[in-house]
Amino acid sequence: MTAATQHPQSLGALSAYSKLPPTSLERALQALRWPLTGAAMLASLYMVFMIHAAGQTWWAVGALSFFSAAFYVYVSNAGFAYRYLFPGIAGMLIFIAFPLIYTAQIGFTNYSSAHLLSEQRVREYLLDQHEAVQELTQPFTLHADGSEFRLALRGADETPAWVSPPLALMKSGSAGKELAVEMEAFANQPLQPALGLRELIQHREALMQLKLILPAAAGLGDVRYLGLREFGPITRNWQANADGSLTRLADGQVFSPNREIGNFQNAEGEILQPGFKVVVGWQNYTRMVLDAEFRGPFLAIFSWTVIFSLLTVVLATAIGMTLAVMLNWEDLKGRTTYRTLLFLPYAVPGFISILVFKGLFNQNFGEINAILDALFGVKPAWFADPLLAKTMLVIVNVWLGYPYIMILCAGLLKAIPADLYEASAIAGAGPLTNFFKITAPLVIKPLAPLLVSAFAFNFNNFVLIALLTDGRPDFLSTKIPAGQTDILVSYTYRIAFKDSGSDFGLAAAISTLIFFLVAAMSLINLRLMRKAQA
């Protein structure tokens, strides 16, 4: 007998429940579903259109693809199975895959503080350069005329000489294009009092777009805005040519766009600034290997990064495992107190500990040098000597890292069967034999993936370097400033945002290299985890 025949009343109630009429709230939501969906679609299309209108075609295509996928998943029944997966997949693509791809793409360009703009923007910038004819400048005043304004150019006696027709300055300011205005001779028309400096500043953007056309009798030609008090004629520095090159009017030199270096350049090799962004291929990557002036500091920093990460993991593991074994000794009195005190470095926020150590290692006023001076009569220059600075970094990082290893080892020690130690005691083995033959092998195997993770973390330990040494002391006579205590991530930050000319392309190439190194460590971590579980 089936469940349906056993409980006919339940099935009837369920059938009746499924046929209940919808509530007023459900009807309202059902009625609003398609209007709200249509409004969302229109808003999305408008956003895509605005992105495209701003000249970002590929961004517009990406936004259109994203919105299309979102509406397909959440509106159509065919995409119902993906409604719970879509947010996670979209978040992964937007916040992980896209930054990675974008960074890698920048690594193949010359993008830097000297090559920020596109070629078209650089051309427009150069063509906009001009010089004012100072001896022909004209003071001006601005007068309200109802909801509009009139501009008056004044002569040497400060009386109006030329007056504009009524102007809608706010409208012209929002248009973003040059506006030609025919000026008229002043004929004693009544003018409102001139606006003050504060009002002139509010209309500055609109005034900059005006080109005042004066009659030939004025002998000035066209005049443009030169400042908050002056209009005057200008002379252009550059002239555009049909082939995309620019001619410098002062000497007739022709500058053509060199798309290999990203600058306008003449036949003699003179280049103009600013430059523009171009694709340079593998240049940033080959520079790490082939450029001798860059290769030396880069390889030194890369080697130090590996040594720093490896030393930190080895020393923190040795100290943490030793302390865990000691605290696991049941006959040790005050184990809880010792465990609490040894855990404190992990409980205190890392940046506070780093700043405290920065003060402790101060050469003149630090407590560490005070003790060394009292005992041995020396005051080491921790921040000036490269070897001492690296030693200090390892000491501080081990101090911050050993509690984590100690806690992990303490938990792993509980999983070791006591029978092994009893059998070892019967065989006459001592504590050291127990540690190296029983404890260490059984702890290291499950601990190995976590040690690889710790190595990868210290490979990118930017906070420690930035707060403690800031990469100092620096290498001497280098093309790009580099620090003796910099690791790859801090060196990349320095190249991109500090005192190395903001070379974003080179920094992106190094960041991509770091990603692949850390990805390789992650693969090793996964393999070690599989072996540990086998």
Protein backbone atom coordinates (compact mmCIF):
# COMPACT_ATOMS: atom_id res chain seq x y z
CA MET A 1 0.00 0.00 0.00
CA THR A 2 1.46 3.37 -1.02
CA ALA A 3 1.70 6.53 1.05
CA ALA A 4 -0.93 8.09 -1.20
CA THR A 5 -3.52 5.43 -0.30
CA GLN A 6 -2.55 5.56 3.36
CA HIS A 7 -3.07 9.30 3.75
CA PRO A 8 -5.76 10.41 1.31
CA GLN A 9 -6.78 13.25 3.63
CA SER A 10 -3.24 14.70 3.57
CA LEU A 11 -3.11 14.58 -0.22
CA GLY A 12 -6.46 16.30 -0.44
CA ALA A 13 -5.34 19.02 1.93
CA LEU A 14 -2.13 19.49 -0.06
CA SER A 15 -4.09 19.68 -3.32
CA ALA A 16 -6.49 22.16 -1.81
CA TYR A 17 -3.56 24.25 -0.49
CA SER A 18 -1.94 24.30 -3.92
CA LYS A 19 -5.16 25.69 -5.40
CA LEU A 20 -5.51 28.55 -2.90
CA PRO A 21 -5.95 31.91 -4.60
CA PRO A 22 -2.90 34.23 -4.40
CA THR A 23 -2.85 36.86 -1.69
CA SER A 24 -3.02 40.56 -2.46
CA LEU A 25 0.73 40.90 -1.83
CA GLU A 26 1.50 38.06 -4.24
CA ARG A 27 -0.77 39.61 -6.86
CA ALA A 28 0.94 42.99 -6.42
CA LEU A 29 4.39 41.46 -6.77
CA GLN A 30 3.30 39.49 -9.82
CA ALA A 31 1.91 42.65 -11.40
CA LEU A 32 5.08 44.62 -10.70
CA ARG A 33 7.47 41.91 -11.91
CA TRP A 34 7.60 42.80 -15.58
CA PRO A 35 7.45 46.61 -15.16
CA LEU A 36 10.38 46.45 -12.73
CA THR A 37 12.25 44.06 -15.02
CA GLY A 38 11.68 46.38 -17.98
CA ALA A 39 12.88 49.37 -15.96
CA ALA A 40 16.02 47.48 -14.92
CA MET A 41 16.69 46.54 -18.55
CA LEU A 42 16.30 50.14 -19.68
CA ALA A 43 18.61 51.34 -16.91
CA SER A 44 21.19 48.72 -17.90
CA LEU A 45 21.02 49.66 -21.57
CA TYR A 46 21.39 53.34 -20.65
CA MET A 47 24.49 52.53 -18.61
CA VAL A 48 25.96 50.56 -21.50
CA PHE A 49 25.19 53.45 -23.86
CA MET A 50 26.88 55.98 -21.55
CA ILE A 51 29.99 53.79 -21.31
CA HIS A 52 30.11 53.50 -25.09
CA ALA A 53 29.53 57.25 -25.50
CA ALA A 54 32.55 57.86 -23.25
CA GLY A 55 34.67 56.04 -25.83
CA GLN A 56 35.07 52.80 -23.86
CA THR A 57 33.75 50.32 -26.45
CA TRP A 58 35.20 47.16 -24.91
CA TRP A 59 33.97 48.13 -21.45
CA ALA A 60 30.53 48.66 -22.96
CA VAL A 61 30.66 45.20 -24.57
CA GLY A 62 31.67 43.66 -21.24
CA ALA A 63 28.87 45.45 -19.37
CA LEU A 64 26.34 44.40 -22.01
CA SER A 65 27.46 40.77 -21.74
CA PHE A 66 27.19 40.86 -17.95
CA PHE A 67 23.69 42.39 -17.93
CA SER A 68 22.52 40.00 -20.66
CA ALA A 69 23.71 36.99 -18.67
CA ALA A 70 22.09 38.33 -15.48
CA PHE A 71 18.70 38.89 -17.13
CA TYR A 72 18.86 35.50 -18.88
CA VAL A 73 19.50 33.71 -15.59
CA TYR A 74 16.96 35.56 -13.44
CA VAL A 75 14.17 36.17 -15.96
CA SER A 76 14.03 33.11 -18.19
CA ASN A 77 13.05 29.67 -16.95
CA ALA A 78 15.91 28.11 -18.92
CA GLY A 79 18.46 29.71 -16.60
CA PHE A 80 16.70 28.74 -13.38
CA ALA A 81 19.38 26.19 -12.41
CA TYR A 82 22.09 28.88 -12.44
CA ARG A 83 20.38 31.45 -10.21
CA TYR A 84 22.31 30.43 -7.11
CA LEU A 85 25.62 29.96 -8.95
CA PHE A 86 25.55 33.22 -10.88
CA PRO A 87 26.48 35.60 -7.99
CA GLY A 88 29.52 33.52 -7.06
CA ILE A 89 30.68 33.07 -10.66
CA ALA A 90 30.13 36.75 -11.44
CA GLY A 91 32.00 37.81 -8.29
CA MET A 92 34.91 35.52 -9.15
CA LEU A 93 35.11 36.89 -12.70
CA ILE A 94 34.80 40.54 -11.66
CA PHE A 95 36.96 40.59 -8.54
CA ILE A 96 39.54 37.88 -9.31
CA ALA A 97 39.79 37.03 -13.00
CA PHE A 98 39.33 40.56 -14.33
CA PRO A 99 41.98 42.25 -12.10
CA LEU A 100 44.42 39.47 -12.96
CA ILE A 101 43.84 39.76 -16.71
CA TYR A 102 43.92 43.56 -16.58
CA THR A 103 47.18 43.56 -14.61
CA ALA A 104 48.75 41.08 -17.02
CA GLN A 105 47.62 43.25 -19.95
CA ILE A 106 49.23 46.35 -18.43
CA GLY A 107 52.46 44.35 -18.13
CA PHE A 108 52.69 44.33 -21.94
CA THR A 109 52.46 48.14 -22.22
CA ASN A 110 54.61 51.16 -21.37
CA TYR A 111 51.91 52.54 -19.04
CA SER A 112 53.61 54.95 -16.61
CA SER A 113 53.45 58.52 -15.31
CA ALA A 114 55.10 59.64 -18.56
CA HIS A 115 52.71 57.58 -20.75
CA LEU A 116 49.31 57.93 -19.11
CA LEU A 117 47.20 59.22 -22.00
CA SER A 118 46.09 57.81 -25.33
CA GLU A 119 47.68 59.04 -28.55
CA GLN A 120 44.59 61.09 -29.39
CA ARG A 121 44.57 62.75 -25.97
CA VAL A 122 48.27 63.64 -26.26
CA ARG A 123 47.67 65.14 -29.71
CA GLU A 124 44.80 67.23 -28.33
CA TYR A 125 46.93 68.33 -25.39
CA LEU A 126 49.75 69.52 -27.66
CA LEU A 127 47.41 71.26 -30.09
CA ASP A 128 45.80 73.10 -27.18
CA GLN A 129 49.13 74.64 -26.15
CA HIS A 130 49.25 78.35 -26.89
CA GLU A 131 50.77 81.61 -25.78
CA ALA A 132 48.96 84.86 -25.08
CA VAL A 133 49.89 88.08 -26.88
CA GLN A 134 50.41 90.05 -23.71
CA GLU A 135 50.47 93.52 -25.28
CA LEU A 136 46.98 92.98 -26.78
CA THR A 137 45.15 91.60 -23.73
CA GLN A 138 41.81 93.20 -22.82
CA PRO A 139 40.29 93.43 -19.32
CA PHE A 140 36.68 92.32 -19.15
CA THR A 141 33.69 92.44 -16.85
CA LEU A 142 30.62 90.22 -16.67
CA HIS A 143 27.15 91.66 -16.15
CA ALA A 144 23.86 89.97 -15.36
CA ASP A 145 21.08 90.42 -17.95
CA GLY A 146 18.00 88.71 -16.58
CA SER A 147 18.67 84.98 -16.56
CA GLU A 148 21.60 85.48 -18.97
CA PHE A 149 24.84 87.47 -18.95
CA ARG A 150 26.65 90.04 -21.07
CA LEU A 151 30.43 90.27 -21.35
CA ALA A 152 32.11 93.65 -21.83
CA LEU A 153 35.68 94.18 -23.05
CA ARG A 154 37.08 97.39 -21.64
CA GLY A 155 39.51 99.84 -23.13
CA ALA A 156 42.48 101.60 -21.60
CA ASP A 157 40.18 104.05 -19.76
CA GLU A 158 38.27 101.15 -18.16
CA THR A 159 35.09 102.00 -20.10
CA PRO A 160 33.27 99.31 -22.09
CA ALA A 161 34.46 99.15 -25.70
CA TRP A 162 32.82 95.93 -26.94
CA VAL A 163 29.79 94.11 -25.57
CA SER A 164 28.46 90.62 -26.26
CA PRO A 165 24.82 89.70 -26.83
CA PRO A 166 23.08 87.95 -23.91
CA LEU A 167 24.80 84.64 -23.16
CA ALA A 168 23.50 81.54 -21.38
CA LEU A 169 26.83 80.77 -19.73
CA MET A 170 25.69 77.75 -17.74
CA LYS A 171 24.31 76.18 -20.91
CA SER A 172 27.52 76.79 -22.86
CA GLY A 173 29.56 75.52 -19.94
CA SER A 174 27.73 72.22 -19.99
CA ALA A 175 28.07 71.82 -23.76
CA GLY A 176 31.82 71.25 -23.60
CA LYS A 177 32.49 72.86 -27.02
CA GLU A 178 33.92 76.18 -28.14
CA LEU A 179 31.25 78.86 -28.59
CA ALA A 180 31.86 81.72 -31.06
CA VAL A 181 30.36 85.06 -29.98
CA GLU A 182 30.05 88.14 -32.25
CA MET A 183 30.97 91.23 -30.23
CA GLU A 184 29.25 94.57 -30.79
CA ALA A 185 30.56 98.08 -30.27
CA PHE A 186 29.38 99.58 -27.00
CA ALA A 187 26.73 102.23 -27.58
CA ASN A 188 25.95 103.35 -24.03
CA GLN A 189 23.59 100.43 -23.46
CA PRO A 190 22.61 100.15 -19.82
CA LEU A 191 24.56 97.39 -18.06
CA GLN A 192 23.96 95.88 -14.67
CA PRO A 193 26.78 96.17 -12.08
CA ALA A 194 29.73 93.94 -12.83
CA LEU A 195 29.82 90.57 -11.09
CA GLY A 196 32.37 90.05 -8.35
CA LEU A 197 35.28 87.62 -8.32
CA ARG A 198 33.26 84.87 -6.63
CA GLU A 199 30.62 84.90 -9.39
CA LEU A 200 33.33 84.96 -12.09
CA ILE A 201 34.88 81.82 -10.62
CA GLN A 202 31.51 80.07 -10.82
CA HIS A 203 31.35 80.82 -14.57
CA ARG A 204 35.01 80.10 -15.27
CA GLU A 205 34.41 76.83 -17.18
CA ALA A 206 31.87 78.52 -19.48
CA LEU A 207 34.10 81.55 -20.05
CA MET A 208 36.98 79.29 -21.10
CA GLN A 209 34.85 77.98 -23.97
CA LEU A 210 34.10 81.40 -25.46
CA LYS A 211 35.78 82.68 -28.62
CA LEU A 212 35.00 86.38 -28.97
CA ILE A 213 34.94 87.60 -32.59
CA LEU A 214 35.74 91.32 -32.86
CA PRO A 215 35.23 93.49 -35.94
CA ALA A 216 38.24 94.00 -38.17
CA ALA A 217 38.46 97.63 -37.00
CA ALA A 218 39.47 96.46 -33.53
CA GLY A 219 42.70 94.96 -34.90
CA LEU A 220 42.59 92.09 -32.43
CA GLY A 221 40.99 89.26 -34.39
CA ASP A 222 39.57 86.48 -32.23
CA VAL A 223 40.22 86.68 -28.48
CA ARG A 224 39.93 84.00 -25.84
CA TYR A 225 39.80 83.69 -22.09
CA LEU A 226 43.20 84.20 -20.45
CA GLY A 227 42.28 84.56 -16.79
CA LEU A 228 39.66 85.84 -14.37
CA ARG A 229 40.23 89.40 -15.55
CA GLU A 230 41.48 89.18 -19.15
CA PHE A 231 40.64 88.12 -22.68
CA GLY A 232 43.14 88.38 -25.51
CA PRO A 233 44.46 86.92 -28.77
CA ILE A 234 46.61 83.79 -28.64
CA THR A 235 49.18 82.14 -30.88
CA ARG A 236 49.11 78.38 -31.27
CA ASN A 237 52.32 76.41 -30.70
CA TRP A 238 51.37 73.42 -32.87
CA GLN A 239 49.63 72.67 -36.11
CA ALA A 240 48.03 69.33 -37.00
CA ASN A 241 48.93 67.66 -40.29
CA ALA A 242 46.83 65.30 -42.39
CA ASP A 243 49.11 62.31 -41.73
CA GLY A 244 48.69 62.58 -37.95
CA SER A 245 51.98 64.39 -37.33
CA LEU A 246 52.35 67.78 -35.64
CA THR A 247 54.34 70.81 -36.78
CA ARG A 248 55.94 73.08 -34.21
CA LEU A 249 55.17 76.56 -35.53
CA ALA A 250 58.13 78.18 -33.79
CA ASP A 251 60.74 76.37 -35.93
CA GLY A 252 58.76 74.23 -38.40
CA GLN A 253 59.93 70.92 -36.90
CA VAL A 254 57.62 67.98 -37.69
CA PHE A 255 56.93 65.42 -34.95
CA SER A 256 55.37 62.08 -35.89
CA PRO A 257 53.92 59.52 -33.46
CA ASN A 258 56.45 56.79 -32.69
CA ARG A 259 54.25 53.87 -31.61
CA GLU A 260 57.22 51.77 -30.50
CA ILE A 261 58.20 54.11 -27.65
CA GLY A 262 54.90 55.97 -27.22
CA ASN A 263 56.05 59.55 -27.95
CA PHE A 264 55.87 62.12 -30.70
CA GLN A 265 59.38 62.29 -32.20
CA ASN A 266 61.10 64.32 -34.93
CA ALA A 267 63.76 63.20 -37.44
CA GLU A 268 66.60 64.24 -35.08
CA GLY A 269 65.29 62.00 -32.30
CA GLU A 270 63.81 64.73 -30.09
CA ILE A 271 60.77 63.44 -28.23
CA LEU A 272 57.84 65.31 -26.75
CA GLN A 273 56.22 64.90 -23.38
CA PRO A 274 53.77 63.65 -22.36
CA GLY A 275 53.94 60.28 -24.09
CA PHE A 276 51.08 57.93 -24.86
CA LYS A 277 50.31 54.35 -23.93
CA VAL A 278 51.37 51.67 -26.44
CA VAL A 279 51.88 47.91 -26.43
CA VAL A 280 55.57 47.02 -26.00
CA GLY A 281 55.23 43.24 -25.99
CA TRP A 282 57.63 41.34 -23.75
CA GLN A 283 59.85 44.36 -23.14
CA ASN A 284 59.06 44.62 -19.41
CA TYR A 285 59.75 40.91 -18.91
CA THR A 286 62.97 40.85 -20.91
CA ARG A 287 64.10 43.91 -18.99
CA MET A 288 64.21 41.80 -15.82
CA VAL A 289 66.78 39.53 -17.46
CA LEU A 290 68.61 41.52 -20.12
CA ASP A 291 68.90 45.03 -18.63
CA ALA A 292 72.06 44.81 -16.49
CA GLU A 293 71.27 47.95 -14.48
CA PHE A 294 67.84 46.60 -13.58
CA ARG A 295 68.72 42.90 -13.42
CA GLY A 296 71.23 43.28 -10.57
CA PRO A 297 68.86 44.80 -7.98
CA PHE A 298 65.93 42.71 -9.23
CA LEU A 299 67.74 39.39 -8.86
CA ALA A 300 69.09 40.47 -5.46
CA ILE A 301 65.58 41.36 -4.30
CA PHE A 302 64.18 38.12 -5.71
CA SER A 303 66.85 36.07 -3.92
CA TRP A 304 66.28 37.94 -0.67
CA THR A 305 62.52 37.36 -0.98
CA VAL A 306 63.05 33.60 -1.19
CA ILE A 307 65.63 33.58 1.63
CA PHE A 308 63.45 35.78 3.84
CA SER A 309 60.39 33.58 3.36
CA LEU A 310 62.34 30.35 3.80
CA LEU A 311 64.24 31.50 6.91
CA THR A 312 61.02 32.75 8.49
CA VAL A 313 59.22 29.46 7.95
CA VAL A 314 62.17 27.30 9.07
CA LEU A 315 62.93 29.30 12.23
CA ALA A 316 59.28 29.84 13.17
CA THR A 317 58.63 26.11 12.70
CA ALA A 318 61.66 25.11 14.76
CA ILE A 319 60.77 27.48 17.61
CA GLY A 320 57.04 26.80 17.48
CA MET A 321 57.45 23.01 17.39
CA THR A 322 60.01 23.05 20.20
CA LEU A 323 57.77 25.16 22.42
CA ALA A 324 54.76 22.97 21.61
CA VAL A 325 56.71 19.85 22.63
CA MET A 326 57.84 21.50 25.86
CA LEU A 327 54.33 22.69 26.70
CA ASN A 328 53.03 19.18 25.99
CA TRP A 329 55.12 17.87 28.91
CA GLU A 330 52.53 17.12 31.59
CA ASP A 331 54.96 17.44 34.49
CA LEU A 332 55.74 21.07 33.56
CA LYS A 333 54.28 23.37 36.19
CA GLY A 334 52.47 26.52 35.01
CA ARG A 335 51.90 25.22 31.49
CA THR A 336 48.78 27.35 31.07
CA THR A 337 50.62 30.50 32.05
CA TYR A 338 53.50 29.77 29.69
CA ARG A 339 51.12 28.93 26.88
CA THR A 340 49.25 32.23 27.38
CA LEU A 341 52.43 34.30 27.45
CA LEU A 342 53.84 32.61 24.36
CA PHE A 343 50.56 33.14 22.52
CA LEU A 344 50.54 36.91 23.14
CA PRO A 345 52.57 37.86 20.03
CA TYR A 346 49.83 36.28 17.92
CA ALA A 347 47.03 37.96 19.89
CA VAL A 348 48.45 41.49 19.49
CA PRO A 349 47.71 43.08 16.08
CA GLY A 350 50.72 42.63 13.83
CA PHE A 351 51.17 46.29 12.86
CA ILE A 352 51.35 47.27 16.55
CA SER A 353 54.08 44.70 17.22
CA ILE A 354 56.00 45.89 14.14
CA LEU A 355 55.89 49.52 15.25
CA VAL A 356 56.94 48.53 18.79
CA PHE A 357 59.95 46.65 17.39
CA LYS A 358 60.77 49.66 15.21
CA GLY A 359 61.20 51.64 18.38
CA LEU A 360 63.07 48.85 20.20
CA PHE A 361 65.65 48.62 17.37
CA ASN A 362 66.22 52.38 17.20
CA GLN A 363 69.98 52.94 17.09
CA ASN A 364 70.10 55.83 19.57
CA PHE A 365 67.07 55.43 21.81
CA GLY A 366 65.99 51.78 21.44
CA GLU A 367 66.06 49.42 24.41
CA ILE A 368 67.83 46.68 22.41
CA ASN A 369 70.82 48.91 21.68
CA ALA A 370 70.76 50.19 25.26
CA ILE A 371 71.18 46.60 26.53
CA LEU A 372 73.87 45.79 23.93
CA ASP A 373 75.72 48.98 24.81
CA ALA A 374 75.62 48.19 28.50
CA LEU A 375 76.81 44.58 28.01
CA PHE A 376 79.20 44.82 25.05
CA GLY A 377 79.66 48.53 24.36
CA VAL A 378 78.14 48.39 20.84
CA LYS A 379 75.20 50.13 19.20
CA PRO A 380 74.45 48.35 15.90
CA ALA A 381 73.00 50.46 13.09
CA TRP A 382 70.02 48.19 12.51
CA PHE A 383 68.40 50.38 9.85
CA ALA A 384 71.55 51.53 8.03
CA ASP A 385 73.48 48.28 7.59
CA PRO A 386 71.87 45.93 4.98
CA LEU A 387 72.80 42.70 6.79
CA LEU A 388 71.60 43.97 10.17
CA ALA A 389 68.38 45.29 8.62
CA LYS A 390 67.66 41.88 7.06
CA THR A 391 68.49 40.15 10.35
CA MET A 392 66.08 42.47 12.14
CA LEU A 393 63.32 41.67 9.65
CA VAL A 394 63.77 37.93 10.14
CA ILE A 395 63.77 38.32 13.95
CA VAL A 396 60.57 40.36 13.96
CA ASN A 397 58.81 38.09 11.46
CA VAL A 398 59.75 34.94 13.39
CA TRP A 399 58.43 36.60 16.54
CA LEU A 400 55.12 37.25 14.80
CA GLY A 401 54.91 33.79 13.21
CA TYR A 402 56.02 31.21 15.76
CA PRO A 403 52.78 31.30 17.89
CA TYR A 404 50.78 30.13 14.86
CA ILE A 405 53.09 27.14 14.34
CA MET A 406 53.10 26.43 18.08
CA ILE A 407 49.31 26.23 18.18
CA LEU A 408 49.18 23.94 15.16
CA CYS A 409 51.86 21.64 16.56
CA ALA A 410 50.15 21.53 19.96
CA GLY A 411 47.02 20.21 18.29
CA LEU A 412 48.93 17.72 16.15
CA LEU A 413 50.82 16.36 19.17
CA LYS A 414 47.54 15.32 20.75
CA ALA A 415 46.91 13.02 17.80
CA ILE A 416 50.15 11.04 18.27
CA PRO A 417 49.42 7.73 20.04
CA ALA A 418 51.03 7.48 23.48
CA ASP A 419 51.89 3.83 22.76
CA LEU A 420 54.71 4.96 20.49
CA TYR A 421 56.42 6.85 23.29
CA GLU A 422 55.90 3.95 25.74
CA ALA A 423 57.50 1.54 23.27
CA SER A 424 60.34 3.99 22.77
CA ALA A 425 60.88 4.28 26.52
CA ILE A 426 61.04 0.50 26.82
CA ALA A 427 63.69 0.47 24.08
CA GLY A 428 65.70 3.00 26.11
CA ALA A 429 65.35 5.95 23.72
CA GLY A 430 65.83 9.48 25.07
CA PRO A 431 63.86 12.71 24.48
CA LEU A 432 65.89 13.71 21.42
CA THR A 433 65.37 10.31 19.81
CA ASN A 434 61.66 10.55 20.50
CA PHE A 435 61.54 14.00 18.92
CA PHE A 436 63.44 13.19 15.74
CA LYS A 437 62.13 9.64 15.23
CA ILE A 438 58.51 9.97 16.37
CA THR A 439 57.31 13.52 16.95
CA ALA A 440 58.87 15.41 14.04
CA PRO A 441 57.98 12.91 11.27
CA LEU A 442 54.37 12.58 12.45
CA VAL A 443 53.92 16.35 12.83
CA ILE A 444 55.68 17.53 9.68
CA LYS A 445 53.54 15.46 7.29
CA PRO A 446 50.18 17.13 8.10
CA LEU A 447 51.96 20.44 8.78
CA ALA A 448 53.64 20.60 5.35
CA PRO A 449 50.72 22.20 3.43
CA LEU A 450 50.40 24.87 6.10
CA LEU A 451 54.13 25.58 5.90
CA VAL A 452 53.83 26.06 2.15
CA SER A 453 50.96 28.49 2.80
CA ALA A 454 53.11 30.33 5.34
CA PHE A 455 55.93 30.53 2.78
CA ALA A 456 53.55 32.01 0.21
CA PHE A 457 52.22 34.50 2.78
CA ASN A 458 55.71 35.71 3.70
CA PHE A 459 56.57 35.91 0.00
CA ASN A 460 54.03 38.77 -0.12
CA ASN A 461 54.49 40.16 3.40
CA PHE A 462 54.19 43.79 2.39
CA VAL A 463 53.08 45.16 5.77
CA LEU A 464 56.25 44.10 7.62
CA ILE A 465 58.58 45.69 5.06
CA ALA A 466 56.53 48.87 4.70
CA LEU A 467 56.23 49.52 8.43
CA LEU A 468 59.64 48.38 9.67
CA THR A 469 62.25 49.38 7.05
CA ASP A 470 60.31 50.67 4.02
CA GLY A 471 62.85 48.74 1.95
CA ARG A 472 65.81 50.77 3.19
CA PRO A 473 68.78 51.00 2.96
CA ASP A 474 68.75 51.57 -0.80
CA PHE A 475 70.99 50.13 -3.47
CA LEU A 476 73.47 52.70 -4.77
CA SER A 477 73.65 53.91 -8.38
CA THR A 478 70.59 52.05 -9.68
CA LYS A 479 68.43 53.09 -12.62
CA ILE A 480 65.26 52.45 -10.61
CA PRO A 481 65.39 53.08 -6.81
CA ALA A 482 65.46 49.75 -4.98
CA GLY A 483 65.93 48.82 -1.33
CA GLN A 484 68.24 46.20 0.15
CA THR A 485 65.40 44.92 2.36
CA ASP A 486 62.68 45.17 -0.28
CA ILE A 487 60.89 41.97 -1.21
CA LEU A 488 59.21 41.60 -4.58
CA VAL A 489 55.83 42.92 -3.49
CA SER A 490 57.23 46.04 -1.78
CA TYR A 491 59.58 46.59 -4.73
CA THR A 492 56.59 46.39 -7.07
CA TYR A 493 54.68 48.90 -4.94
CA ARG A 494 57.69 51.20 -4.99
CA ILE A 495 57.98 51.03 -8.78
CA ALA A 496 54.27 51.66 -9.29
CA PHE A 497 53.41 54.31 -6.71
CA LYS A 498 56.48 55.86 -5.12
CA ASP A 499 59.86 57.14 -6.29
CA SER A 500 60.39 55.19 -9.51
CA GLY A 501 58.40 57.28 -11.98
CA SER A 502 55.17 55.28 -11.52
CA ASP A 503 56.14 52.63 -14.05
CA PHE A 504 52.85 50.74 -13.96
CA GLY A 505 53.77 48.49 -16.90
CA LEU A 506 56.92 47.16 -15.23
CA ALA A 507 55.14 46.83 -11.89
CA ALA A 508 52.33 44.88 -13.55
CA ALA A 509 54.85 42.53 -15.16
CA ILE A 510 56.47 41.85 -11.77
CA SER A 511 53.02 41.38 -10.20
CA THR A 512 52.18 38.81 -12.88
CA LEU A 513 55.44 37.00 -12.12
CA ILE A 514 54.57 36.98 -8.41
CA PHE A 515 51.14 35.56 -9.23
CA PHE A 516 52.61 32.63 -11.12
CA LEU A 517 55.12 31.98 -8.32
CA VAL A 518 52.39 31.99 -5.68
CA ALA A 519 50.16 29.87 -7.95
CA ALA A 520 52.97 27.32 -8.22
CA MET A 521 53.22 27.26 -4.42
CA SER A 522 49.47 26.72 -4.20
CA LEU A 523 49.72 23.72 -6.55
CA ILE A 524 52.50 22.31 -4.38
CA ASN A 525 50.28 22.91 -1.37
CA LEU A 526 47.41 20.98 -2.96
CA ARG A 527 49.67 18.03 -3.81
CA LEU A 528 51.06 17.95 -0.29
CA MET A 529 47.52 17.96 1.09
CA ARG A 530 46.59 15.02 -1.11
CA LYS A 531 49.64 13.10 0.07
CA ALA A 532 48.83 13.94 3.68
CA GLN A 533 45.30 12.62 3.26
CA ALA A 534 46.47 9.47 1.46
